[in-house]
Amino acid sequence: MQGKITHVLDDVPCNQTVRAWRWPAGIACPACESTQVIPRGCDATEPARQRDACHAGHPRFAALTDTIFAGHHQPLKGWIFCLYSPLRKGHSRF
């Protein structure tokens, strides 16, 4: 991840990157894991965040649904930057 932080500091690429990290094999419903999902617009507070819906009728979801970042009002790029900063400085415990 080092050296690639600049592309996630913009809203759209950041959200696309997180979606790709969460669903590397394709988007799936967090409730039933079905891959039959359809786009359902964007988040009201963060327009770059794509929302999807499951064909089985589960509530809309986004890449942060059911994660530790869900329900927080900070922009996603802020979370990514905070997670990246310790890695950049070599303080990672991973």
Protein backbone atom coordinates (compact mmCIF):
# COMPACT_ATOMS: atom_id res chain seq x y z
CA MET A 1 0.00 0.00 0.00
CA GLN A 2 2.96 2.31 0.40
CA GLY A 3 3.27 4.99 -2.24
CA LYS A 4 -0.34 4.62 -3.38
CA ILE A 5 -2.12 6.82 -0.87
CA THR A 6 -2.55 9.76 -3.24
CA HIS A 7 -5.15 8.00 -5.39
CA VAL A 8 -7.45 7.41 -2.40
CA LEU A 9 -7.41 10.99 -1.14
CA ASP A 10 -10.12 11.93 -3.65
CA ASP A 11 -13.66 10.81 -2.79
CA VAL A 12 -14.55 8.75 -5.87
CA PRO A 13 -11.29 6.76 -6.18
CA CYS A 14 -11.27 6.23 -2.41
CA ASN A 15 -14.75 4.72 -2.41
CA GLN A 16 -13.98 2.60 -5.49
CA THR A 17 -10.83 1.30 -3.81
CA VAL A 18 -12.67 0.34 -0.62
CA ARG A 19 -15.35 -1.46 -2.66
CA ALA A 20 -12.63 -3.40 -4.46
CA TRP A 21 -10.94 -4.30 -1.15
CA ARG A 22 -14.21 -5.46 0.42
CA TRP A 23 -15.50 -7.40 -2.59
CA PRO A 24 -12.54 -8.55 -4.70
CA ALA A 25 -14.70 -11.21 -6.40
CA GLY A 26 -17.66 -8.88 -6.98
CA ILE A 27 -20.21 -7.05 -4.85
CA ALA A 28 -22.26 -9.22 -2.49
CA CYS A 29 -25.12 -8.45 -0.11
CA PRO A 30 -23.84 -8.28 3.50
CA ALA A 31 -27.07 -9.87 4.77
CA CYS A 32 -27.28 -12.96 2.53
CA GLU A 33 -24.04 -12.84 0.48
CA SER A 34 -26.00 -12.90 -2.77
CA THR A 35 -24.14 -11.47 -5.75
CA GLN A 36 -27.42 -10.47 -7.41
CA VAL A 37 -27.31 -6.80 -6.51
CA ILE A 38 -28.31 -3.64 -8.32
CA PRO A 39 -27.05 -0.06 -7.95
CA ARG A 40 -29.40 2.11 -5.87
CA GLY A 41 -27.92 5.57 -6.07
CA CYS A 42 -25.47 7.29 -3.81
CA ASP A 43 -25.26 8.06 -0.11
CA ALA A 44 -27.01 11.31 0.88
CA THR A 45 -24.13 12.62 3.01
CA GLU A 46 -21.27 11.34 0.86
CA PRO A 47 -22.26 11.44 -2.85
CA ALA A 48 -19.20 9.47 -3.98
CA ARG A 49 -20.33 6.45 -1.93
CA GLN A 50 -22.29 4.04 -4.15
CA ARG A 51 -25.29 2.31 -2.57
CA ASP A 52 -26.56 -1.08 -3.74
CA ALA A 53 -29.56 -3.29 -3.04
CA CYS A 54 -30.02 -7.05 -3.00
CA HIS A 55 -32.60 -8.71 -5.27
CA ALA A 56 -33.82 -10.63 -2.19
CA GLY A 57 -35.18 -7.39 -0.71
CA HIS A 58 -32.62 -6.67 2.00
CA PRO A 59 -31.97 -3.00 2.90
CA ARG A 60 -29.64 -0.91 0.79
CA PHE A 61 -25.97 -1.25 1.61
CA ALA A 62 -22.59 0.29 0.82
CA ALA A 63 -18.99 -0.83 1.18
CA LEU A 64 -18.91 0.25 4.84
CA THR A 65 -22.13 -1.54 5.87
CA ASP A 66 -21.52 -3.94 8.79
CA THR A 67 -17.95 -2.71 9.31
CA ILE A 68 -16.38 -0.77 12.18
CA PHE A 69 -16.65 2.36 10.00
CA ALA A 70 -20.43 2.14 9.51
CA GLY A 71 -22.48 4.92 11.07
CA HIS A 72 -19.61 7.36 11.49
CA HIS A 73 -19.85 10.74 9.86
CA GLN A 74 -16.19 11.19 8.97
CA PRO A 75 -15.35 11.02 5.26
CA LEU A 76 -13.98 7.68 4.13
CA LYS A 77 -10.75 9.25 2.89
CA GLY A 78 -10.09 10.41 6.47
CA TRP A 79 -10.32 6.83 7.76
CA ILE A 80 -8.05 5.55 4.99
CA PHE A 81 -5.49 8.25 5.68
CA CYS A 82 -5.53 7.46 9.44
CA LEU A 83 -5.06 3.76 8.74
CA TYR A 84 -2.29 4.43 6.24
CA SER A 85 -0.26 6.90 8.33
CA PRO A 86 1.21 4.37 10.82
CA LEU A 87 2.07 2.03 7.96
CA ARG A 88 3.93 4.79 6.15
CA LYS A 89 6.07 5.55 9.15
CA GLY A 90 6.95 1.93 9.81
CA HIS A 91 4.97 1.66 13.05
CA SER A 92 2.78 -1.18 11.90
CA ARG A 93 2.26 -4.21 14.11
CA PHE A 94 0.94 -6.26 11.21
